[in-house]
């Protein structure tokens, strides 16, 4: 029923700086409830998602870690995402808060959806989504089948059996990654991640430019002091 009503999954805040443009519908490429690469964050989008996913929690200025499974996974299998992750963080692991908006949903199952937790992160600079993380302990075979019907057979990543299985699709530079990990309780934790790579790269470029401008401002201020 979920994908009959919202096939876009697989075809595709308050504040002074908040973008207010309406979100496009029927986005091509990877998307979740019509949130795709070109979607714009808005109050209308939040209201629409609440109707589908239930109550939300919202956070501003968040740390970002794109890594999944274990350290080195992105470096080995998705080097471009790994490089973006390095640029989003520091080698020393210091806490860096990015100018982002995070929407979180913990009650989608109350709407008969097979998801335990959903996280959508947007750039506050552009209003575009950066990535979507979805967690489920339910059997979501139908989800995988629907994705495959749209995008074809996934690529598979061979991992040690104890660490589960990973499959993925790539559309342009965007990545839809699914990891299936056995738990101690004997069931399976499914994680679906959609990475909008160019939107992430745009955030990285904006932040690096801001840092350069701040450093230049401090340098000039120091020169004026003497």
N, C-alpha and C. Protein backbone atom coordinates (compact mmCIF):
# COMPACT_ATOMS: atom_id res chain seq x y z
N UNK A 1 0.83 -1.20 0.00
CA UNK A 1 0.00 0.00 0.00
C UNK A 1 0.86 1.24 0.00
N UNK A 2 1.94 1.21 0.77
CA UNK A 2 2.81 2.38 0.83
C UNK A 2 3.27 2.80 -0.55
N UNK A 3 3.74 1.83 -1.34
CA UNK A 3 4.33 2.20 -2.62
C UNK A 3 3.28 2.33 -3.70
N UNK A 4 2.09 1.81 -3.47
CA UNK A 4 1.01 2.09 -4.40
C UNK A 4 0.57 3.53 -4.27
N UNK A 5 0.57 4.04 -3.04
CA UNK A 5 0.15 5.42 -2.83
C UNK A 5 1.26 6.40 -3.08
N UNK A 6 2.51 5.97 -2.84
CA UNK A 6 3.62 6.89 -2.98
C UNK A 6 4.75 6.25 -3.78
N UNK A 7 4.54 6.00 -5.06
CA UNK A 7 5.58 5.36 -5.86
C UNK A 7 6.83 6.21 -6.00
N UNK A 8 6.75 7.48 -5.62
CA UNK A 8 7.90 8.35 -5.76
C UNK A 8 9.06 7.87 -4.91
N UNK A 9 8.80 7.10 -3.86
CA UNK A 9 9.90 6.59 -3.06
C UNK A 9 10.94 5.94 -3.96
N UNK A 10 10.48 5.27 -4.98
CA UNK A 10 11.39 4.48 -5.79
C UNK A 10 11.56 5.02 -7.18
N UNK A 11 10.91 6.11 -7.54
CA UNK A 11 11.31 6.81 -8.77
C UNK A 11 12.02 8.07 -8.36
N UNK A 12 11.71 7.77 -8.30
CA UNK A 12 12.48 8.87 -7.98
C UNK A 12 13.35 8.44 -6.85
N UNK A 13 11.51 25.24 8.34
CA UNK A 13 11.53 25.31 9.79
C UNK A 13 11.52 26.76 10.19
N UNK A 14 11.03 26.66 10.92
CA UNK A 14 10.96 28.10 11.21
C UNK A 14 12.36 28.68 11.24
N UNK A 15 12.51 29.92 10.93
CA UNK A 15 13.80 30.58 10.95
C UNK A 15 13.87 31.58 9.83
N UNK A 16 14.69 32.56 10.02
CA UNK A 16 14.75 33.66 9.07
C UNK A 16 15.24 33.20 7.71
N UNK A 17 16.16 32.21 7.68
CA UNK A 17 16.76 31.80 6.42
C UNK A 17 16.00 30.67 5.75
N UNK A 18 14.87 30.27 6.27
CA UNK A 18 14.18 29.09 5.77
C UNK A 18 13.66 29.28 4.35
N UNK A 19 14.02 28.36 3.43
CA UNK A 19 13.44 28.43 2.08
C UNK A 19 11.95 28.16 2.13
N UNK A 20 11.19 28.82 1.27
CA UNK A 20 9.74 28.67 1.31
C UNK A 20 9.17 28.18 -0.01
N UNK A 21 10.02 27.81 -0.97
CA UNK A 21 9.51 27.36 -2.25
C UNK A 21 8.75 26.05 -2.08
N UNK A 22 7.70 25.84 -2.86
CA UNK A 22 6.98 24.57 -2.78
C UNK A 22 7.83 23.42 -3.26
N UNK A 23 7.61 22.24 -2.68
CA UNK A 23 8.37 21.06 -3.07
C UNK A 23 7.82 20.49 -4.37
N UNK A 24 8.69 20.12 -5.31
CA UNK A 24 8.20 19.51 -6.54
C UNK A 24 7.66 18.12 -6.26
N UNK A 25 6.65 17.72 -7.01
CA UNK A 25 6.06 16.41 -6.86
C UNK A 25 6.49 15.54 -8.05
N UNK A 26 6.54 14.23 -7.84
CA UNK A 26 6.94 13.27 -8.87
C UNK A 26 8.38 13.54 -9.31
N UNK A 27 9.26 13.59 -8.32
CA UNK A 27 10.67 13.79 -8.59
C UNK A 27 11.26 12.55 -9.24
N UNK A 28 12.07 12.74 -10.28
CA UNK A 28 12.75 11.61 -10.89
C UNK A 28 13.95 11.23 -10.03
N UNK A 29 14.40 9.99 -10.18
CA UNK A 29 15.53 9.53 -9.39
C UNK A 29 15.10 9.04 -8.03
N UNK A 30 16.08 8.81 -7.16
CA UNK A 30 15.79 8.32 -5.82
C UNK A 30 15.01 9.36 -5.03
N UNK A 31 13.98 8.91 -4.34
CA UNK A 31 13.20 9.81 -3.51
C UNK A 31 12.44 9.00 -2.48
N UNK A 32 12.02 9.67 -1.42
CA UNK A 32 11.24 9.04 -0.36
C UNK A 32 10.08 9.97 -0.04
N UNK A 33 8.86 9.49 -0.27
CA UNK A 33 7.67 10.33 -0.11
C UNK A 33 7.85 11.68 -0.80
N UNK A 34 8.28 11.61 -2.05
CA UNK A 34 8.45 12.80 -2.90
C UNK A 34 9.60 13.70 -2.48
N UNK A 35 10.41 13.28 -1.55
CA UNK A 35 11.61 14.05 -1.20
C UNK A 35 12.75 13.49 -2.03
N UNK A 36 13.12 14.24 -3.08
CA UNK A 36 14.18 13.83 -3.98
C UNK A 36 15.26 14.89 -4.07
N UNK A 37 16.15 14.70 -4.99
CA UNK A 37 17.35 15.54 -5.09
C UNK A 37 17.03 17.03 -5.20
N UNK A 38 15.97 17.40 -5.92
CA UNK A 38 15.68 18.81 -6.16
C UNK A 38 14.59 19.37 -5.25
N UNK A 39 14.11 18.56 -4.32
CA UNK A 39 13.06 19.03 -3.40
C UNK A 39 13.57 20.20 -2.56
N UNK A 40 12.70 21.14 -2.27
CA UNK A 40 13.03 22.27 -1.42
C UNK A 40 12.33 22.14 -0.07
N UNK A 41 13.08 22.33 1.00
CA UNK A 41 12.50 22.31 2.34
C UNK A 41 11.52 23.46 2.49
N UNK A 42 10.38 23.20 3.11
CA UNK A 42 9.37 24.23 3.32
C UNK A 42 8.41 23.78 4.39
N UNK A 43 7.61 24.70 4.90
CA UNK A 43 6.56 24.34 5.86
C UNK A 43 5.54 23.41 5.22
N UNK A 44 5.25 23.63 3.94
CA UNK A 44 4.30 22.76 3.24
C UNK A 44 4.82 21.34 3.18
N UNK A 45 6.12 21.18 2.94
CA UNK A 45 6.71 19.85 2.91
C UNK A 45 6.61 19.19 4.27
N UNK A 46 6.89 19.94 5.33
CA UNK A 46 6.79 19.37 6.68
C UNK A 46 5.38 18.88 6.97
N UNK A 47 4.41 19.66 6.60
CA UNK A 47 3.02 19.27 6.86
C UNK A 47 2.67 18.02 6.06
N UNK A 48 3.13 17.95 4.83
CA UNK A 48 2.83 16.78 4.02
C UNK A 48 3.48 15.52 4.60
N UNK A 49 4.71 15.65 5.07
CA UNK A 49 5.39 14.50 5.66
C UNK A 49 4.73 14.06 6.96
N UNK A 50 4.26 15.02 7.75
CA UNK A 50 3.57 14.67 8.99
C UNK A 50 2.35 13.80 8.71
N UNK A 51 1.62 14.13 7.66
CA UNK A 51 0.42 13.35 7.33
C UNK A 51 0.77 11.91 6.98
N UNK A 52 1.93 11.71 6.36
CA UNK A 52 2.33 10.37 5.94
C UNK A 52 3.11 9.61 7.00
N UNK A 53 3.96 10.33 7.75
CA UNK A 53 4.92 9.68 8.63
C UNK A 53 4.63 9.88 10.11
N UNK A 54 3.67 10.74 10.43
CA UNK A 54 3.35 10.98 11.83
C UNK A 54 4.13 12.15 12.41
N UNK A 55 4.08 12.33 13.73
CA UNK A 55 4.74 13.48 14.37
C UNK A 55 6.24 13.49 14.11
N UNK A 56 6.80 14.68 14.07
CA UNK A 56 8.22 14.85 13.79
C UNK A 56 8.95 15.43 14.99
N UNK A 57 10.24 15.27 14.99
CA UNK A 57 11.14 16.06 15.82
C UNK A 57 12.07 16.78 14.85
N UNK A 58 12.52 17.96 15.24
CA UNK A 58 13.35 18.75 14.33
C UNK A 58 14.56 19.29 15.08
N UNK A 59 15.70 19.26 14.42
CA UNK A 59 16.94 19.79 14.98
C UNK A 59 17.62 20.68 13.95
N UNK A 60 18.27 21.73 14.45
CA UNK A 60 19.03 22.62 13.59
C UNK A 60 20.51 22.53 13.97
N UNK A 61 21.37 22.69 13.00
CA UNK A 61 22.82 22.62 13.17
C UNK A 61 23.20 21.26 13.75
N UNK A 62 23.57 20.37 12.86
CA UNK A 62 23.84 18.99 13.24
C UNK A 62 25.24 18.57 12.80
N UNK A 63 25.79 17.59 13.51
CA UNK A 63 26.99 16.95 13.02
C UNK A 63 26.59 15.99 11.90
N UNK A 64 27.50 15.69 11.01
CA UNK A 64 27.22 14.80 9.88
C UNK A 64 28.31 13.74 9.82
N UNK A 65 27.92 12.50 9.80
CA UNK A 65 28.85 11.39 9.57
C UNK A 65 28.17 10.45 8.57
N UNK A 66 28.70 10.40 7.37
CA UNK A 66 28.10 9.60 6.31
C UNK A 66 28.47 8.13 6.41
N UNK A 67 29.40 7.78 7.28
CA UNK A 67 29.88 6.40 7.38
C UNK A 67 28.75 5.46 7.77
N UNK A 68 28.84 4.23 7.29
CA UNK A 68 27.83 3.23 7.58
C UNK A 68 28.53 1.89 7.72
N UNK A 69 27.87 0.95 8.39
CA UNK A 69 28.43 -0.38 8.66
C UNK A 69 29.64 -0.27 9.58
N UNK A 70 30.81 -0.11 9.05
CA UNK A 70 32.01 -0.02 9.88
C UNK A 70 32.97 0.97 9.26
N UNK A 71 33.91 1.43 10.05
CA UNK A 71 34.90 2.38 9.55
C UNK A 71 35.63 1.77 8.38
N UNK A 72 35.74 2.52 7.31
CA UNK A 72 36.41 2.04 6.12
C UNK A 72 35.46 1.54 5.04
N UNK A 73 34.17 1.39 5.38
CA UNK A 73 33.22 0.88 4.40
C UNK A 73 33.11 1.84 3.22
N UNK A 74 32.89 3.12 3.48
CA UNK A 74 32.77 4.08 2.38
C UNK A 74 34.08 4.19 1.61
N UNK A 75 35.18 4.18 2.31
CA UNK A 75 36.48 4.29 1.63
C UNK A 75 36.68 3.15 0.64
N UNK A 76 36.23 1.95 1.01
CA UNK A 76 36.44 0.79 0.17
C UNK A 76 35.46 0.71 -0.99
N UNK A 77 34.20 1.13 -0.76
CA UNK A 77 33.16 0.89 -1.76
C UNK A 77 32.58 2.16 -2.39
N UNK A 78 32.67 3.28 -1.69
CA UNK A 78 32.11 4.53 -2.21
C UNK A 78 33.11 5.66 -1.94
N UNK A 79 34.24 5.67 -2.66
CA UNK A 79 35.32 6.62 -2.35
C UNK A 79 34.91 8.09 -2.45
N UNK A 80 33.99 8.42 -3.37
CA UNK A 80 33.57 9.83 -3.47
C UNK A 80 32.83 10.27 -2.21
N UNK A 81 31.94 9.41 -1.70
CA UNK A 81 31.26 9.72 -0.45
C UNK A 81 32.26 9.79 0.70
N UNK A 82 33.24 8.93 0.67
CA UNK A 82 34.27 8.95 1.72
C UNK A 82 35.01 10.29 1.73
N UNK A 83 35.38 10.78 0.54
CA UNK A 83 36.09 12.07 0.47
C UNK A 83 35.20 13.21 0.97
N UNK A 84 33.92 13.17 0.63
CA UNK A 84 33.01 14.20 1.14
C UNK A 84 32.91 14.12 2.66
N UNK A 85 32.88 12.89 3.19
CA UNK A 85 32.78 12.73 4.63
C UNK A 85 34.02 13.29 5.32
N UNK A 86 35.19 13.10 4.72
CA UNK A 86 36.42 13.66 5.28
C UNK A 86 36.35 15.18 5.30
N UNK A 87 35.83 15.77 4.26
CA UNK A 87 35.75 17.24 4.18
C UNK A 87 34.70 17.80 5.13
N UNK A 88 33.71 16.98 5.49
CA UNK A 88 32.68 17.42 6.44
C UNK A 88 33.16 17.36 7.89
N UNK A 89 34.24 16.64 8.13
CA UNK A 89 34.72 16.42 9.48
C UNK A 89 36.21 16.77 9.56
N UNK A 90 36.79 16.64 10.74
CA UNK A 90 38.21 16.93 10.91
C UNK A 90 38.94 15.64 11.23
N UNK A 91 40.24 15.57 10.90
CA UNK A 91 41.00 14.35 11.20
C UNK A 91 41.03 14.03 12.70
N UNK A 92 40.89 15.05 13.54
CA UNK A 92 40.94 14.84 14.98
C UNK A 92 39.59 14.44 15.56
N UNK A 93 38.58 14.40 14.72
CA UNK A 93 37.27 13.99 15.21
C UNK A 93 36.56 15.04 16.04
N UNK A 94 36.91 16.31 15.86
CA UNK A 94 36.26 17.37 16.61
C UNK A 94 34.80 17.51 16.17
N UNK A 95 33.98 17.98 17.08
CA UNK A 95 32.56 18.16 16.77
C UNK A 95 32.38 19.37 15.85
N UNK A 96 31.83 19.14 14.68
CA UNK A 96 31.55 20.22 13.73
C UNK A 96 30.04 20.24 13.48
N UNK A 97 29.42 21.36 13.76
CA UNK A 97 27.99 21.51 13.51
C UNK A 97 27.79 22.19 12.17
N UNK A 98 26.98 21.57 11.35
CA UNK A 98 26.72 22.10 10.01
C UNK A 98 25.37 22.81 9.98
N UNK A 99 25.24 23.75 9.05
CA UNK A 99 24.02 24.55 8.96
C UNK A 99 22.94 23.73 8.24
N UNK A 100 22.33 22.84 9.00
CA UNK A 100 21.39 21.87 8.43
C UNK A 100 20.09 21.84 9.23
N UNK A 101 19.12 21.17 8.65
CA UNK A 101 17.82 20.93 9.30
C UNK A 101 17.59 19.42 9.26
N UNK A 102 17.35 18.84 10.41
CA UNK A 102 17.11 17.39 10.48
C UNK A 102 15.68 17.13 10.94
N UNK A 103 14.93 16.37 10.13
CA UNK A 103 13.59 15.94 10.50
C UNK A 103 13.66 14.46 10.89
N UNK A 104 13.05 14.12 12.03
CA UNK A 104 13.10 12.75 12.54
C UNK A 104 11.69 12.25 12.84
N UNK A 105 11.43 11.00 12.46
CA UNK A 105 10.11 10.40 12.64
C UNK A 105 10.28 9.04 13.30
N UNK A 106 9.60 8.86 14.43
CA UNK A 106 9.70 7.61 15.20
C UNK A 106 8.39 6.85 15.27
N UNK A 107 7.34 7.39 14.68
CA UNK A 107 6.02 6.78 14.84
C UNK A 107 5.37 6.43 13.51
N UNK A 108 6.19 6.20 12.47
CA UNK A 108 5.63 5.87 11.16
C UNK A 108 4.85 4.55 11.21
N UNK A 109 5.22 3.66 12.12
CA UNK A 109 4.51 2.38 12.21
C UNK A 109 3.06 2.59 12.63
N UNK A 110 2.78 3.69 13.31
CA UNK A 110 1.39 3.99 13.67
C UNK A 110 0.55 4.29 12.43
N UNK A 111 1.21 4.62 11.33
CA UNK A 111 0.53 4.85 10.05
C UNK A 111 0.63 3.63 9.14
N UNK A 112 0.87 2.47 9.75
CA UNK A 112 0.96 1.21 9.01
C UNK A 112 2.13 1.18 8.03
N UNK A 113 3.20 1.86 8.36
CA UNK A 113 4.41 1.82 7.55
C UNK A 113 5.44 0.92 8.24
N UNK A 114 6.26 0.21 7.47
CA UNK A 114 7.19 -0.76 8.07
C UNK A 114 8.52 -0.16 8.52
N UNK A 115 8.50 1.10 8.98
CA UNK A 115 9.73 1.79 9.33
C UNK A 115 9.72 2.16 10.81
N UNK A 116 10.85 1.90 11.49
CA UNK A 116 10.97 2.21 12.91
C UNK A 116 11.47 3.63 13.16
N UNK A 117 12.33 4.10 12.27
CA UNK A 117 12.91 5.43 12.46
C UNK A 117 13.31 5.98 11.10
N UNK A 118 13.02 7.26 10.90
CA UNK A 118 13.31 7.92 9.61
C UNK A 118 13.99 9.25 9.90
N UNK A 119 15.01 9.55 9.14
CA UNK A 119 15.78 10.78 9.34
C UNK A 119 16.02 11.42 7.98
N UNK A 120 15.60 12.66 7.82
CA UNK A 120 15.85 13.42 6.59
C UNK A 120 16.65 14.66 6.96
N UNK A 121 17.76 14.87 6.28
CA UNK A 121 18.63 16.00 6.60
C UNK A 121 18.74 16.91 5.37
N UNK A 122 18.49 18.20 5.60
CA UNK A 122 18.49 19.21 4.54
C UNK A 122 19.58 20.25 4.81
N UNK A 123 20.13 20.80 3.74
CA UNK A 123 21.01 21.96 3.87
C UNK A 123 20.16 23.19 4.09
N UNK A 124 20.52 23.98 5.11
CA UNK A 124 19.79 25.22 5.32
C UNK A 124 20.26 26.31 4.36
N UNK A 125 21.41 26.12 3.75
CA UNK A 125 21.90 27.07 2.75
C UNK A 125 21.04 27.03 1.49
N UNK A 126 20.74 25.82 1.03
CA UNK A 126 20.06 25.65 -0.25
C UNK A 126 18.63 25.13 -0.12
N UNK A 127 18.29 24.54 1.02
CA UNK A 127 16.98 23.92 1.20
C UNK A 127 16.89 22.52 0.60
N UNK A 128 17.97 22.03 0.00
CA UNK A 128 17.94 20.72 -0.66
C UNK A 128 18.26 19.61 0.33
N UNK A 129 17.74 18.40 0.09
CA UNK A 129 18.07 17.28 0.97
C UNK A 129 19.49 16.80 0.74
N UNK A 130 20.15 16.42 1.83
CA UNK A 130 21.51 15.89 1.75
C UNK A 130 21.51 14.37 1.78
N UNK A 131 20.76 13.82 2.72
CA UNK A 131 20.65 12.36 2.79
C UNK A 131 19.41 11.97 3.58
N UNK A 132 19.00 10.74 3.39
CA UNK A 132 17.84 10.17 4.08
C UNK A 132 18.27 8.82 4.65
N UNK A 133 18.01 8.61 5.93
CA UNK A 133 18.29 7.32 6.57
C UNK A 133 16.98 6.74 7.07
N UNK A 134 16.78 5.45 6.80
CA UNK A 134 15.55 4.76 7.21
C UNK A 134 15.95 3.46 7.89
N UNK A 135 15.38 3.19 9.05
CA UNK A 135 15.67 1.98 9.81
C UNK A 135 14.40 1.15 9.94
N UNK A 136 14.56 -0.17 9.81
CA UNK A 136 13.40 -1.04 9.95
C UNK A 136 13.84 -2.42 10.42
N UNK A 137 13.08 -2.98 11.35
CA UNK A 137 13.28 -4.36 11.79
C UNK A 137 12.22 -5.28 11.19
N UNK A 138 11.40 -4.74 10.32
CA UNK A 138 10.35 -5.51 9.67
C UNK A 138 10.86 -6.15 8.37
N UNK A 139 10.12 -7.10 7.87
CA UNK A 139 10.41 -7.67 6.56
C UNK A 139 10.00 -6.66 5.50
N UNK A 140 10.97 -6.11 4.79
CA UNK A 140 10.67 -5.09 3.77
C UNK A 140 11.10 -5.59 2.40
N UNK A 141 10.91 -6.90 2.18
CA UNK A 141 11.23 -7.49 0.88
C UNK A 141 10.50 -6.78 -0.24
N UNK A 142 9.24 -6.40 0.01
CA UNK A 142 8.46 -5.71 -1.03
C UNK A 142 9.11 -4.39 -1.42
N UNK A 143 9.75 -3.73 -0.45
CA UNK A 143 10.43 -2.47 -0.75
C UNK A 143 11.58 -2.73 -1.73
N UNK A 144 12.39 -3.76 -1.43
CA UNK A 144 13.51 -4.07 -2.31
C UNK A 144 13.02 -4.43 -3.71
N UNK A 145 11.92 -5.18 -3.77
CA UNK A 145 11.38 -5.60 -5.05
C UNK A 145 10.92 -4.39 -5.87
N UNK A 146 10.29 -3.44 -5.21
CA UNK A 146 9.82 -2.24 -5.91
C UNK A 146 11.00 -1.41 -6.42
N UNK A 147 12.03 -1.29 -5.60
CA UNK A 147 13.23 -0.56 -6.04
C UNK A 147 13.83 -1.24 -7.27
N UNK A 148 13.91 -2.59 -7.20
CA UNK A 148 14.46 -3.32 -8.32
C UNK A 148 13.64 -3.18 -9.58
N UNK A 149 12.31 -3.13 -9.44
CA UNK A 149 11.45 -2.95 -10.61
C UNK A 149 11.74 -1.62 -11.31
N UNK A 150 12.10 -0.61 -10.52
CA UNK A 150 12.36 0.71 -11.10
C UNK A 150 13.79 0.85 -11.61
N UNK A 151 14.76 0.38 -10.82
CA UNK A 151 16.16 0.66 -11.13
C UNK A 151 16.96 -0.56 -11.56
N UNK A 152 16.32 -1.72 -11.63
CA UNK A 152 17.03 -2.91 -12.06
C UNK A 152 17.67 -3.65 -10.89
N UNK A 153 18.42 -4.67 -11.22
CA UNK A 153 19.07 -5.47 -10.20
C UNK A 153 20.14 -4.64 -9.47
N UNK A 154 20.22 -4.78 -8.15
CA UNK A 154 21.22 -4.01 -7.42
C UNK A 154 22.61 -4.62 -7.56
N UNK A 155 23.61 -3.81 -7.29
CA UNK A 155 24.97 -4.33 -7.12
C UNK A 155 25.08 -4.84 -5.69
N UNK A 156 25.88 -5.88 -5.51
CA UNK A 156 26.01 -6.51 -4.20
C UNK A 156 27.42 -6.32 -3.67
N UNK A 157 27.52 -6.18 -2.37
CA UNK A 157 28.81 -6.05 -1.71
C UNK A 157 29.00 -7.26 -0.82
N UNK A 158 30.06 -8.00 -1.04
CA UNK A 158 30.34 -9.18 -0.23
C UNK A 158 31.02 -8.77 1.06
N UNK A 159 30.36 -9.06 2.16
CA UNK A 159 30.88 -8.73 3.48
C UNK A 159 30.99 -10.02 4.29
N UNK A 160 31.80 -10.00 5.35
CA UNK A 160 31.81 -11.16 6.24
C UNK A 160 30.40 -11.45 6.73
N UNK A 161 30.03 -12.72 6.81
CA UNK A 161 28.66 -13.10 7.11
C UNK A 161 28.13 -12.44 8.38
N UNK A 162 28.99 -12.31 9.38
CA UNK A 162 28.54 -11.76 10.66
C UNK A 162 28.13 -10.30 10.55
N UNK A 163 28.64 -9.61 9.53
CA UNK A 163 28.33 -8.19 9.39
C UNK A 163 27.16 -7.93 8.46
N UNK A 164 26.56 -9.00 7.91
CA UNK A 164 25.36 -8.83 7.11
C UNK A 164 25.63 -8.70 5.63
N UNK A 165 24.71 -8.08 4.93
CA UNK A 165 24.77 -7.96 3.48
C UNK A 165 24.45 -6.53 3.08
N UNK A 166 25.06 -6.07 2.00
CA UNK A 166 24.80 -4.73 1.48
C UNK A 166 24.53 -4.81 -0.01
N UNK A 167 23.53 -4.06 -0.46
CA UNK A 167 23.24 -3.92 -1.88
C UNK A 167 23.05 -2.44 -2.16
N UNK A 168 23.22 -2.05 -3.42
CA UNK A 168 23.08 -0.63 -3.71
C UNK A 168 22.72 -0.39 -5.17
N UNK A 169 22.15 0.78 -5.39
CA UNK A 169 21.85 1.29 -6.72
C UNK A 169 22.51 2.66 -6.85
N UNK A 170 22.90 3.04 -8.04
CA UNK A 170 23.46 4.37 -8.29
C UNK A 170 22.68 5.02 -9.42
N UNK A 171 22.24 6.26 -9.19
CA UNK A 171 21.54 7.05 -10.19
C UNK A 171 22.26 8.38 -10.30
N UNK A 172 22.89 8.62 -11.44
CA UNK A 172 23.83 9.75 -11.57
C UNK A 172 24.92 9.54 -10.50
N UNK A 173 25.09 10.49 -9.61
CA UNK A 173 26.06 10.29 -8.53
C UNK A 173 25.39 9.94 -7.21
N UNK A 174 24.07 9.88 -7.22
CA UNK A 174 23.34 9.58 -5.99
C UNK A 174 23.37 8.08 -5.71
N UNK A 175 23.36 7.73 -4.46
CA UNK A 175 23.49 6.34 -4.04
C UNK A 175 22.31 5.96 -3.15
N UNK A 176 21.69 4.83 -3.45
CA UNK A 176 20.69 4.23 -2.58
C UNK A 176 21.31 2.93 -2.07
N UNK A 177 21.63 2.92 -0.79
CA UNK A 177 22.34 1.80 -0.18
C UNK A 177 21.44 1.12 0.84
N UNK A 178 21.42 -0.19 0.81
CA UNK A 178 20.66 -0.98 1.78
C UNK A 178 21.62 -1.92 2.49
N UNK A 179 21.62 -1.89 3.81
CA UNK A 179 22.40 -2.85 4.58
C UNK A 179 21.47 -3.68 5.43
N UNK A 180 21.73 -4.96 5.49
CA UNK A 180 20.91 -5.90 6.27
C UNK A 180 21.83 -6.59 7.27
N UNK A 181 21.64 -6.31 8.54
CA UNK A 181 22.55 -6.77 9.58
C UNK A 181 21.82 -7.64 10.59
N UNK A 182 22.31 -8.85 10.87
CA UNK A 182 21.67 -9.68 11.89
C UNK A 182 21.88 -9.08 13.28
N UNK A 183 20.88 -9.22 14.13
CA UNK A 183 20.96 -8.70 15.50
C UNK A 183 21.08 -9.86 16.48
N UNK A 184 21.41 -9.53 17.72
CA UNK A 184 21.55 -10.56 18.75
C UNK A 184 20.22 -11.24 19.05
N UNK A 185 19.12 -10.55 18.76
CA UNK A 185 17.80 -11.11 19.02
C UNK A 185 17.37 -12.11 17.93
N UNK A 186 18.19 -12.25 16.91
CA UNK A 186 17.88 -13.22 15.87
C UNK A 186 17.08 -12.66 14.71
N UNK A 187 16.78 -11.37 14.74
CA UNK A 187 16.09 -10.77 13.59
C UNK A 187 17.09 -9.97 12.76
N UNK A 188 16.59 -9.13 11.91
CA UNK A 188 17.44 -8.40 10.98
C UNK A 188 17.15 -6.91 11.04
N UNK A 189 18.20 -6.12 11.13
CA UNK A 189 18.07 -4.66 11.07
C UNK A 189 18.36 -4.22 9.66
N UNK A 190 17.38 -3.57 9.03
CA UNK A 190 17.53 -3.05 7.67
C UNK A 190 17.75 -1.55 7.74
N UNK A 191 18.74 -1.08 7.01
CA UNK A 191 19.00 0.36 6.93
C UNK A 191 19.02 0.74 5.46
N UNK A 192 18.20 1.72 5.11
CA UNK A 192 18.18 2.26 3.75
C UNK A 192 18.73 3.67 3.81
N UNK A 193 19.72 3.95 2.99
CA UNK A 193 20.32 5.27 2.95
C UNK A 193 20.28 5.82 1.54
N UNK A 194 19.78 7.02 1.40
CA UNK A 194 19.84 7.72 0.10
C UNK A 194 20.79 8.89 0.28
N UNK A 195 21.88 8.89 -0.47
CA UNK A 195 22.86 9.97 -0.42
C UNK A 195 22.72 10.81 -1.68
N UNK A 196 22.37 12.09 -1.53
CA UNK A 196 22.30 13.01 -2.66
C UNK A 196 23.68 13.68 -2.79
N UNK A 197 24.56 13.03 -3.51
CA UNK A 197 25.98 13.37 -3.48
C UNK A 197 26.27 14.80 -3.91
N UNK A 198 25.61 15.26 -4.97
CA UNK A 198 25.91 16.61 -5.44
C UNK A 198 25.41 17.66 -4.45
N UNK A 199 24.30 17.38 -3.78
CA UNK A 199 23.82 18.31 -2.75
C UNK A 199 24.79 18.36 -1.57
N UNK A 200 25.34 17.19 -1.20
CA UNK A 200 26.34 17.16 -0.13
C UNK A 200 27.58 17.93 -0.55
N UNK A 201 28.02 17.71 -1.80
CA UNK A 201 29.20 18.42 -2.29
C UNK A 201 28.97 19.94 -2.30
N UNK A 202 27.76 20.35 -2.62
CA UNK A 202 27.44 21.79 -2.62
C UNK A 202 27.54 22.35 -1.21
N UNK A 203 27.04 21.62 -0.21
CA UNK A 203 27.18 22.07 1.18
C UNK A 203 28.64 22.19 1.57
N UNK A 204 29.43 21.19 1.20
CA UNK A 204 30.86 21.21 1.53
C UNK A 204 31.53 22.44 0.93
N UNK A 205 31.23 22.75 -0.33
CA UNK A 205 31.84 23.91 -1.00
C UNK A 205 31.45 25.21 -0.33
N UNK A 206 30.19 25.33 0.05
CA UNK A 206 29.72 26.55 0.73
C UNK A 206 30.45 26.73 2.07
N UNK A 207 30.55 25.64 2.82
CA UNK A 207 31.18 25.73 4.14
C UNK A 207 32.67 26.03 4.02
N UNK A 208 33.33 25.43 3.05
CA UNK A 208 34.75 25.69 2.88
C UNK A 208 34.99 27.14 2.46
N UNK A 209 34.12 27.68 1.63
CA UNK A 209 34.24 29.09 1.25
C UNK A 209 34.03 29.99 2.46
N UNK A 210 33.05 29.66 3.29
CA UNK A 210 32.81 30.45 4.50
C UNK A 210 34.03 30.43 5.42
N UNK A 211 34.66 29.26 5.56
CA UNK A 211 35.84 29.16 6.42
C UNK A 211 36.99 30.00 5.88
N UNK A 212 37.17 29.95 4.55
CA UNK A 212 38.25 30.76 3.96
C UNK A 212 38.00 32.24 4.18
N UNK A 213 36.75 32.67 4.03
CA UNK A 213 36.43 34.08 4.23
C UNK A 213 36.64 34.50 5.68
N UNK A 214 36.29 33.63 6.62
CA UNK A 214 36.51 33.95 8.04
C UNK A 214 38.00 34.03 8.36
N UNK A 215 38.78 33.09 7.80
CA UNK A 215 40.21 33.11 8.04
C UNK A 215 40.85 34.37 7.45
N UNK A 216 40.39 34.77 6.26
CA UNK A 216 40.91 35.99 5.65
C UNK A 216 40.53 37.21 6.48
N UNK A 217 39.29 37.21 7.02
CA UNK A 217 38.87 38.32 7.88
C UNK A 217 39.71 38.42 9.13
N UNK A 218 40.04 37.27 9.74
CA UNK A 218 40.89 37.29 10.94
C UNK A 218 42.30 37.76 10.61
N UNK A 219 42.80 37.34 9.43
CA UNK A 219 44.14 37.76 9.03
C UNK A 219 44.21 39.27 8.85
N UNK A 220 43.21 39.83 8.17
CA UNK A 220 43.19 41.28 7.96
C UNK A 220 43.03 42.02 9.27
N UNK A 221 42.20 41.48 10.17
CA UNK A 221 42.02 42.13 11.48
C UNK A 221 43.34 42.15 12.24
N UNK A 222 44.11 41.06 12.14
CA UNK A 222 45.40 41.03 12.81
C UNK A 222 46.36 42.02 12.23
N UNK A 223 46.35 42.19 10.92
CA UNK A 223 47.24 43.16 10.29
C UNK A 223 46.90 44.59 10.72
N UNK A 224 45.59 44.87 10.85
CA UNK A 224 45.17 46.21 11.24
C UNK A 224 45.56 46.52 12.69
N UNK A 225 45.72 45.49 13.49
CA UNK A 225 46.05 45.71 14.90
C UNK A 225 47.44 46.32 15.07
N UNK A 226 48.30 46.16 14.07
CA UNK A 226 49.65 46.71 14.17
C UNK A 226 49.92 47.65 13.01
